[in-house]
Amino acid sequence: MIDKSQNRAPPTNNHQTKPSYWADTIIQGFLILSLSRSLASSTAAGFFHSRFMYTSRKKIHKDKDVEPTEFEDSVAQALFDLENANQDLKSDLKDLYINSATQIDVSGNRKAVVIHVPYRLRKAFRKIHLKLVRELEKKFSGKDVVLIATRRMLPPPKKGSAVQRPRNRTLTAVHDAMLEDIVYPAEIVGKRVRYRVDGSKVIKIFLDPKARNDTEYKLETFGGVYKKLCGKDVVFEYPITEP
């Protein structure tokens, strides 16, 4: 005869299992709560990241889909903010965007924000130049803002080649056009080249005095930016006008 008592499960101790059961339940609850918070946090972060991407990236188009730098993102975001908050610039900025942006050390603690804009949008940016630059300089803590149209130089054609290089794609033409962009809204009314004893040269640029109030405080920045981008020394003056 088989002793059935051997197949019976051992008696349980209710006093021992109940605390264990509740402990497991509490731990599982904490794990679920922690996971929920983590998912909510990641979802929110993803939402804000995607929103940031939309708001800033629509204002900057780089060649070959290159990722903008952190500084370029900040400039693009500043443009987007102005488009949405500044009624004077809203309609004009709607279809405008930039190609790139960089920060240049001019001298001492003085810095400049150099923004390259598409060449085909150059006239549209010039239309709002004074207002836009003024607002951007506020957003970047008083740093001088300079807008330059994106231009491309072409190398000289090979000897014997029938291909001709357009005049506006030569090194000299591109550098001259960049200088005009840098000093805008002032117009260049004269130019002289002075040679130093060591053979180096300094370009003296005469600016239209009519724009003196809007440009005189930035002359040092103009020279520093041009030197950085083109490698040429330049000084600026306003011709003396007779009363």
C-alpha atoms as a PDB file:
ATOM      1  CA  MET A   1       0.000   0.000   0.000  1.00  0.00           C
ATOM      2  CA  ILE A   2       1.224   3.500  -0.918  1.00  0.00           C
ATOM      3  CA  ASP A   3       1.470   6.020   1.816  1.00  0.00           C
ATOM      4  CA  LYS A   4      -0.392   9.044   0.362  1.00  0.00           C
ATOM      5  CA  SER A   5       0.915  11.258   3.066  1.00  0.00           C
ATOM      6  CA  GLN A   6       4.327  11.305   1.305  1.00  0.00           C
ATOM      7  CA  ASN A   7       2.838  13.048  -1.801  1.00  0.00           C
ATOM      8  CA  ARG A   8       1.220  15.788   0.138  1.00  0.00           C
ATOM      9  CA  ALA A   9       2.777  19.252  -0.082  1.00  0.00           C
ATOM     10  CA  PRO A  10       4.360  20.424   3.111  1.00  0.00           C
ATOM     11  CA  PRO A  11       2.169  22.719   5.148  1.00  0.00           C
ATOM     12  CA  THR A  12       2.655  26.416   4.449  1.00  0.00           C
ATOM     13  CA  ASN A  13       3.299  28.990   7.065  1.00  0.00           C
ATOM     14  CA  ASN A  14       0.959  31.899   6.390  1.00  0.00           C
ATOM     15  CA  HIS A  15       2.914  34.093   8.762  1.00  0.00           C
ATOM     16  CA  GLN A  16       6.059  33.710   6.557  1.00  0.00           C
ATOM     17  CA  THR A  17       4.556  33.897   3.029  1.00  0.00           C
ATOM     18  CA  LYS A  18       2.395  36.971   3.459  1.00  0.00           C
ATOM     19  CA  PRO A  19       5.262  39.409   4.190  1.00  0.00           C
ATOM     20  CA  SER A  20       7.256  37.944   1.278  1.00  0.00           C
ATOM     21  CA  TYR A  21       4.303  38.333  -1.080  1.00  0.00           C
ATOM     22  CA  TRP A  22       3.715  41.967  -0.135  1.00  0.00           C
ATOM     23  CA  ALA A  23       7.437  42.770  -0.387  1.00  0.00           C
ATOM     24  CA  ASP A  24       7.561  41.371  -3.929  1.00  0.00           C
ATOM     25  CA  THR A  25       4.438  43.330  -4.859  1.00  0.00           C
ATOM     26  CA  ILE A  26       5.886  46.589  -3.538  1.00  0.00           C
ATOM     27  CA  ILE A  27       9.174  46.032  -5.393  1.00  0.00           C
ATOM     28  CA  GLN A  28       7.328  45.310  -8.625  1.00  0.00           C
ATOM     29  CA  GLY A  29       5.283  48.471  -8.130  1.00  0.00           C
ATOM     30  CA  PHE A  30       8.412  50.571  -7.707  1.00  0.00           C
ATOM     31  CA  LEU A  31       9.958  49.005 -10.813  1.00  0.00           C
ATOM     32  CA  ILE A  32       6.854  49.738 -12.891  1.00  0.00           C
ATOM     33  CA  LEU A  33       6.709  53.332 -11.596  1.00  0.00           C
ATOM     34  CA  SER A  34      10.401  53.850 -12.322  1.00  0.00           C
ATOM     35  CA  LEU A  35      10.027  52.441 -15.828  1.00  0.00           C
ATOM     36  CA  SER A  36       6.991  54.642 -16.491  1.00  0.00           C
ATOM     37  CA  ARG A  37       8.856  57.757 -15.380  1.00  0.00           C
ATOM     38  CA  SER A  38      11.847  56.797 -17.538  1.00  0.00           C
ATOM     39  CA  LEU A  39       9.643  56.302 -20.595  1.00  0.00           C
ATOM     40  CA  ALA A  40       7.827  59.580 -19.966  1.00  0.00           C
ATOM     41  CA  SER A  41      11.130  61.416 -19.577  1.00  0.00           C
ATOM     42  CA  SER A  42      12.595  59.953 -22.770  1.00  0.00           C
ATOM     43  CA  THR A  43       9.387  60.686 -24.673  1.00  0.00           C
ATOM     44  CA  ALA A  44       9.380  64.295 -23.488  1.00  0.00           C
ATOM     45  CA  ALA A  45      13.065  64.665 -24.333  1.00  0.00           C
ATOM     46  CA  GLY A  46      12.432  63.257 -27.784  1.00  0.00           C
ATOM     47  CA  PHE A  47       9.522  65.634 -28.285  1.00  0.00           C
ATOM     48  CA  PHE A  48      11.498  68.713 -27.279  1.00  0.00           C
ATOM     49  CA  HIS A  49      14.504  67.554 -29.333  1.00  0.00           C
ATOM     50  CA  SER A  50      12.369  67.043 -32.434  1.00  0.00           C
ATOM     51  CA  ARG A  51      10.683  70.412 -31.832  1.00  0.00           C
ATOM     52  CA  PHE A  52      14.099  72.077 -31.470  1.00  0.00           C
ATOM     53  CA  MET A  53      15.255  70.387 -34.670  1.00  0.00           C
ATOM     54  CA  TYR A  54      12.201  71.734 -36.494  1.00  0.00           C
ATOM     55  CA  THR A  55      12.420  75.254 -35.152  1.00  0.00           C
ATOM     56  CA  SER A  56      16.135  75.804 -35.662  1.00  0.00           C
ATOM     57  CA  ARG A  57      17.076  73.581 -38.579  1.00  0.00           C
ATOM     58  CA  LYS A  58      14.573  75.189 -40.935  1.00  0.00           C
ATOM     59  CA  LYS A  59      16.628  78.398 -40.646  1.00  0.00           C
ATOM     60  CA  ILE A  60      19.953  76.855 -41.683  1.00  0.00           C
ATOM     61  CA  HIS A  61      20.755  74.891 -44.851  1.00  0.00           C
ATOM     62  CA  LYS A  62      24.292  73.524 -45.075  1.00  0.00           C
ATOM     63  CA  ASP A  63      25.894  71.922 -48.118  1.00  0.00           C
ATOM     64  CA  LYS A  64      25.759  68.138 -48.453  1.00  0.00           C
ATOM     65  CA  ASP A  65      23.457  67.867 -45.420  1.00  0.00           C
ATOM     66  CA  VAL A  66      26.348  68.525 -43.022  1.00  0.00           C
ATOM     67  CA  GLU A  67      25.220  68.745 -39.392  1.00  0.00           C
ATOM     68  CA  PRO A  68      25.274  72.318 -38.024  1.00  0.00           C
ATOM     69  CA  THR A  69      27.577  73.085 -35.120  1.00  0.00           C
ATOM     70  CA  GLU A  70      26.198  73.995 -31.722  1.00  0.00           C
ATOM     71  CA  PHE A  71      26.939  77.664 -32.397  1.00  0.00           C
ATOM     72  CA  GLU A  72      25.193  77.530 -35.779  1.00  0.00           C
ATOM     73  CA  ASP A  73      22.165  75.989 -34.088  1.00  0.00           C
ATOM     74  CA  SER A  74      22.098  78.904 -31.648  1.00  0.00           C
ATOM     75  CA  VAL A  75      22.162  81.426 -34.513  1.00  0.00           C
ATOM     76  CA  ALA A  76      19.408  79.555 -36.358  1.00  0.00           C
ATOM     77  CA  GLN A  77      17.321  79.457 -33.183  1.00  0.00           C
ATOM     78  CA  ALA A  78      17.821  83.205 -32.716  1.00  0.00           C
ATOM     79  CA  LEU A  79      16.525  83.810 -36.244  1.00  0.00           C
ATOM     80  CA  PHE A  80      13.511  81.604 -35.603  1.00  0.00           C
ATOM     81  CA  ASP A  81      12.756  83.431 -32.352  1.00  0.00           C
ATOM     82  CA  LEU A  82      12.908  86.792 -34.110  1.00  0.00           C
ATOM     83  CA  GLU A  83      10.642  85.502 -36.861  1.00  0.00           C
ATOM     84  CA  ASN A  84       8.003  84.570 -34.297  1.00  0.00           C
ATOM     85  CA  ALA A  85       8.404  87.358 -31.746  1.00  0.00           C
ATOM     86  CA  ASN A  86       9.402  90.465 -33.710  1.00  0.00           C
ATOM     87  CA  GLN A  87       6.531  91.911 -35.732  1.00  0.00           C
ATOM     88  CA  ASP A  88       8.864  94.173 -37.730  1.00  0.00           C
ATOM     89  CA  LEU A  89      10.893  91.203 -38.985  1.00  0.00           C
ATOM     90  CA  LYS A  90       8.345  88.391 -39.026  1.00  0.00           C
ATOM     91  CA  SER A  91       7.185  88.594 -42.637  1.00  0.00           C
ATOM     92  CA  ASP A  92      10.674  89.322 -44.011  1.00  0.00           C
ATOM     93  CA  LEU A  93      12.370  86.461 -42.151  1.00  0.00           C
ATOM     94  CA  LYS A  94       9.751  83.878 -43.065  1.00  0.00           C
ATOM     95  CA  ASP A  95      11.540  82.597 -46.197  1.00  0.00           C
ATOM     96  CA  LEU A  96      15.105  83.453 -45.187  1.00  0.00           C
ATOM     97  CA  TYR A  97      17.757  81.073 -43.906  1.00  0.00           C
ATOM     98  CA  ILE A  98      21.537  80.956 -43.517  1.00  0.00           C
ATOM     99  CA  ASN A  99      24.337  78.672 -44.762  1.00  0.00           C
ATOM    100  CA  SER A 100      26.733  78.829 -41.830  1.00  0.00           C
ATOM    101  CA  ALA A 101      27.843  80.880 -38.834  1.00  0.00           C
ATOM    102  CA  THR A 102      31.033  81.217 -36.865  1.00  0.00           C
ATOM    103  CA  GLN A 103      32.468  83.315 -34.052  1.00  0.00           C
ATOM    104  CA  ILE A 104      35.712  85.202 -34.672  1.00  0.00           C
ATOM    105  CA  ASP A 105      38.062  86.780 -32.137  1.00  0.00           C
ATOM    106  CA  VAL A 106      38.725  90.304 -33.346  1.00  0.00           C
ATOM    107  CA  SER A 107      40.962  91.807 -30.658  1.00  0.00           C
ATOM    108  CA  GLY A 108      41.159  91.510 -26.914  1.00  0.00           C
ATOM    109  CA  ASN A 109      37.738  90.534 -25.622  1.00  0.00           C
ATOM    110  CA  ARG A 110      35.975  91.715 -28.765  1.00  0.00           C
ATOM    111  CA  LYS A 111      34.261  89.013 -30.804  1.00  0.00           C
ATOM    112  CA  ALA A 112      32.266  88.989 -34.024  1.00  0.00           C
ATOM    113  CA  VAL A 113      29.496  86.706 -35.227  1.00  0.00           C
ATOM    114  CA  VAL A 114      29.989  86.085 -38.956  1.00  0.00           C
ATOM    115  CA  ILE A 115      26.901  84.724 -40.711  1.00  0.00           C
ATOM    116  CA  HIS A 116      27.023  83.450 -44.296  1.00  0.00           C
ATOM    117  CA  VAL A 117      23.745  83.753 -46.185  1.00  0.00           C
ATOM    118  CA  PRO A 118      22.782  82.318 -49.604  1.00  0.00           C
ATOM    119  CA  TYR A 119      23.850  84.579 -52.451  1.00  0.00           C
ATOM    120  CA  ARG A 120      20.373  84.563 -53.983  1.00  0.00           C
ATOM    121  CA  LEU A 121      18.937  85.859 -50.673  1.00  0.00           C
ATOM    122  CA  ARG A 122      21.518  88.621 -50.331  1.00  0.00           C
ATOM    123  CA  LYS A 123      19.145  91.428 -51.374  1.00  0.00           C
ATOM    124  CA  ALA A 124      16.403  90.182 -49.056  1.00  0.00           C
ATOM    125  CA  PHE A 125      18.816  90.199 -46.103  1.00  0.00           C
ATOM    126  CA  ARG A 126      20.068  93.678 -47.026  1.00  0.00           C
ATOM    127  CA  LYS A 127      16.500  94.939 -46.977  1.00  0.00           C
ATOM    128  CA  ILE A 128      16.281  94.244 -43.218  1.00  0.00           C
ATOM    129  CA  HIS A 129      20.008  94.489 -42.477  1.00  0.00           C
ATOM    130  CA  LEU A 130      19.977  97.250 -39.865  1.00  0.00           C
ATOM    131  CA  LYS A 131      17.035  95.875 -37.869  1.00  0.00           C
ATOM    132  CA  LEU A 132      18.212  92.274 -38.057  1.00  0.00           C
ATOM    133  CA  VAL A 133      21.799  93.031 -37.058  1.00  0.00           C
ATOM    134  CA  ARG A 134      20.633  95.202 -34.164  1.00  0.00           C
ATOM    135  CA  GLU A 135      18.380  92.442 -32.798  1.00  0.00           C
ATOM    136  CA  LEU A 136      20.990  89.710 -33.253  1.00  0.00           C
ATOM    137  CA  GLU A 137      23.625  91.786 -31.466  1.00  0.00           C
ATOM    138  CA  LYS A 138      21.246  92.032 -28.507  1.00  0.00           C
ATOM    139  CA  LYS A 139      20.782  88.260 -28.467  1.00  0.00           C
ATOM    140  CA  PHE A 140      24.536  87.623 -28.638  1.00  0.00           C
ATOM    141  CA  SER A 141      25.462  89.926 -25.773  1.00  0.00           C
ATOM    142  CA  GLY A 142      26.669  92.836 -27.841  1.00  0.00           C
ATOM    143  CA  LYS A 143      28.955  90.878 -30.189  1.00  0.00           C
ATOM    144  CA  ASP A 144      29.255  92.552 -33.585  1.00  0.00           C
ATOM    145  CA  VAL A 145      27.230  90.724 -36.238  1.00  0.00           C
ATOM    146  CA  VAL A 146      28.414  90.636 -39.863  1.00  0.00           C
ATOM    147  CA  LEU A 147      26.402  89.192 -42.774  1.00  0.00           C
ATOM    148  CA  ILE A 148      28.268  87.886 -45.828  1.00  0.00           C
ATOM    149  CA  ALA A 149      26.823  86.291 -48.970  1.00  0.00           C
ATOM    150  CA  THR A 150      28.156  82.837 -49.813  1.00  0.00           C
ATOM    151  CA  ARG A 151      30.341  82.985 -52.928  1.00  0.00           C
ATOM    152  CA  ARG A 152      32.509  80.367 -54.602  1.00  0.00           C
ATOM    153  CA  MET A 153      35.843  80.952 -56.270  1.00  0.00           C
ATOM    154  CA  LEU A 154      36.941  78.970 -59.311  1.00  0.00           C
ATOM    155  CA  PRO A 155      40.588  78.070 -59.979  1.00  0.00           C
ATOM    156  CA  PRO A 156      42.255  79.589 -63.055  1.00  0.00           C
ATOM    157  CA  PRO A 157      41.652  77.531 -66.211  1.00  0.00           C
ATOM    158  CA  LYS A 158      44.477  75.310 -67.357  1.00  0.00           C
ATOM    159  CA  LYS A 159      46.807  76.586 -70.017  1.00  0.00           C
ATOM    160  CA  GLY A 160      45.322  76.060 -73.446  1.00  0.00           C
ATOM    161  CA  SER A 161      41.843  75.392 -72.071  1.00  0.00           C
ATOM    162  CA  ALA A 162      38.914  76.893 -73.947  1.00  0.00           C
ATOM    163  CA  VAL A 163      36.937  77.242 -70.721  1.00  0.00           C
ATOM    164  CA  GLN A 164      36.774  80.799 -69.435  1.00  0.00           C
ATOM    165  CA  ARG A 165      36.363  81.664 -65.777  1.00  0.00           C
ATOM    166  CA  PRO A 166      33.633  84.201 -64.964  1.00  0.00           C
ATOM    167  CA  ARG A 167      35.040  87.466 -63.648  1.00  0.00           C
ATOM    168  CA  ASN A 168      32.940  87.284 -60.470  1.00  0.00           C
ATOM    169  CA  ARG A 169      34.451  83.895 -59.585  1.00  0.00           C
ATOM    170  CA  THR A 170      38.057  85.108 -59.421  1.00  0.00           C
ATOM    171  CA  LEU A 171      39.888  85.525 -56.117  1.00  0.00           C
ATOM    172  CA  THR A 172      40.068  89.312 -56.438  1.00  0.00           C
ATOM    173  CA  ALA A 173      36.391  89.699 -57.330  1.00  0.00           C
ATOM    174  CA  VAL A 174      35.219  87.459 -54.494  1.00  0.00           C
ATOM    175  CA  HIS A 175      37.392  89.261 -51.922  1.00  0.00           C
ATOM    176  CA  ASP A 176      36.177  92.669 -53.138  1.00  0.00           C
ATOM    177  CA  ALA A 177      32.549  91.523 -52.927  1.00  0.00           C
ATOM    178  CA  MET A 178      33.098  90.133 -49.422  1.00  0.00           C
ATOM    179  CA  LEU A 179      34.530  93.484 -48.346  1.00  0.00           C
ATOM    180  CA  GLU A 180      31.406  95.243 -49.634  1.00  0.00           C
ATOM    181  CA  ASP A 181      29.234  92.840 -47.623  1.00  0.00           C
ATOM    182  CA  ILE A 182      31.296  93.289 -44.461  1.00  0.00           C
ATOM    183  CA  VAL A 183      31.028  97.097 -44.395  1.00  0.00           C
ATOM    184  CA  TYR A 184      27.352  97.242 -45.387  1.00  0.00           C
ATOM    185  CA  PRO A 185      25.303  99.492 -45.028  1.00  0.00           C
ATOM    186  CA  ALA A 186      28.248 101.784 -45.748  1.00  0.00           C
ATOM    187  CA  GLU A 187      29.361 102.054 -49.372  1.00  0.00           C
ATOM    188  CA  ILE A 188      32.994 102.011 -50.437  1.00  0.00           C
ATOM    189  CA  VAL A 189      33.769 105.342 -52.108  1.00  0.00           C
ATOM    190  CA  GLY A 190      37.534 104.994 -52.481  1.00  0.00           C
ATOM    191  CA  LYS A 191      40.489 102.659 -52.100  1.00  0.00           C
ATOM    192  CA  ARG A 192      44.247 103.095 -51.791  1.00  0.00           C
ATOM    193  CA  VAL A 193      47.075 100.622 -51.368  1.00  0.00           C
ATOM    194  CA  ARG A 194      49.995 101.571 -49.141  1.00  0.00           C
ATOM    195  CA  TYR A 195      53.209  99.548 -49.103  1.00  0.00           C
ATOM    196  CA  ARG A 196      55.223  99.089 -45.932  1.00  0.00           C
ATOM    197  CA  VAL A 197      59.017  99.063 -45.721  1.00  0.00           C
ATOM    198  CA  ASP A 198      59.044  95.271 -45.488  1.00  0.00           C
ATOM    199  CA  GLY A 199      57.124  94.966 -48.761  1.00  0.00           C
ATOM    200  CA  SER A 200      53.759  94.103 -47.232  1.00  0.00           C
ATOM    201  CA  LYS A 201      50.770  96.210 -48.131  1.00  0.00           C
ATOM    202  CA  VAL A 202      47.838  97.752 -46.339  1.00  0.00           C
ATOM    203  CA  ILE A 203      44.588  98.513 -48.117  1.00  0.00           C
ATOM    204  CA  LYS A 204      42.975 101.782 -47.069  1.00  0.00           C
ATOM    205  CA  ILE A 205      39.233 101.844 -47.636  1.00  0.00           C
ATOM    206  CA  PHE A 206      37.208 105.061 -47.648  1.00  0.00           C
ATOM    207  CA  LEU A 207      33.584 104.662 -46.580  1.00  0.00           C
ATOM    208  CA  ASP A 208      30.622 106.893 -47.306  1.00  0.00           C
ATOM    209  CA  PRO A 209      30.226 109.259 -44.305  1.00  0.00           C
ATOM    210  CA  LYS A 210      26.430 108.986 -44.583  1.00  0.00           C
ATOM    211  CA  ALA A 211      26.584 105.590 -42.861  1.00  0.00           C
ATOM    212  CA  ARG A 212      29.051 106.693 -40.213  1.00  0.00           C
ATOM    213  CA  ASN A 213      26.618 106.440 -37.296  1.00  0.00           C
ATOM    214  CA  ASP A 214      25.764 102.837 -38.163  1.00  0.00           C
ATOM    215  CA  THR A 215      29.279 101.589 -38.885  1.00  0.00           C
ATOM    216  CA  GLU A 216      31.946 103.625 -37.090  1.00  0.00           C
ATOM    217  CA  TYR A 217      31.769 101.570 -33.878  1.00  0.00           C
ATOM    218  CA  LYS A 218      32.431  98.400 -35.903  1.00  0.00           C
ATOM    219  CA  LEU A 219      35.447  99.476 -37.973  1.00  0.00           C
ATOM    220  CA  GLU A 220      37.839  97.386 -35.900  1.00  0.00           C
ATOM    221  CA  THR A 221      35.555  94.397 -36.367  1.00  0.00           C
ATOM    222  CA  PHE A 222      35.375  94.957 -40.130  1.00  0.00           C
ATOM    223  CA  GLY A 223      39.161  94.892 -40.379  1.00  0.00           C
ATOM    224  CA  GLY A 224      39.511  91.831 -38.139  1.00  0.00           C
ATOM    225  CA  VAL A 225      36.887  89.823 -40.030  1.00  0.00           C
ATOM    226  CA  TYR A 226      38.379  90.668 -43.438  1.00  0.00           C
ATOM    227  CA  LYS A 227      41.867  89.759 -42.222  1.00  0.00           C
ATOM    228  CA  LYS A 228      40.603  86.436 -40.877  1.00  0.00           C
ATOM    229  CA  LEU A 229      38.671  85.490 -44.015  1.00  0.00           C
ATOM    230  CA  CYS A 230      40.913  86.907 -46.743  1.00  0.00           C
ATOM    231  CA  GLY A 231      44.318  87.277 -45.073  1.00  0.00           C
ATOM    232  CA  LYS A 232      44.675  90.947 -46.036  1.00  0.00           C
ATOM    233  CA  ASP A 233      45.319  93.975 -43.831  1.00  0.00           C
ATOM    234  CA  VAL A 234      42.793  96.743 -44.278  1.00  0.00           C
ATOM    235  CA  VAL A 235      42.025 100.011 -42.498  1.00  0.00           C
ATOM    236  CA  PHE A 236      38.929 102.169 -42.834  1.00  0.00           C
ATOM    237  CA  GLU A 237      38.443 105.904 -42.958  1.00  0.00           C
ATOM    238  CA  TYR A 238      35.691 108.371 -43.740  1.00  0.00           C
ATOM    239  CA  PRO A 239      36.722 111.074 -46.209  1.00  0.00           C
ATOM    240  CA  ILE A 240      36.513 114.579 -44.857  1.00  0.00           C
ATOM    241  CA  THR A 241      33.523 116.369 -46.292  1.00  0.00           C
ATOM    242  CA  GLU A 242      33.438 120.106 -46.712  1.00  0.00           C
ATOM    243  CA  PRO A 243      30.705 121.924 -44.764  1.00  0.00           C
END
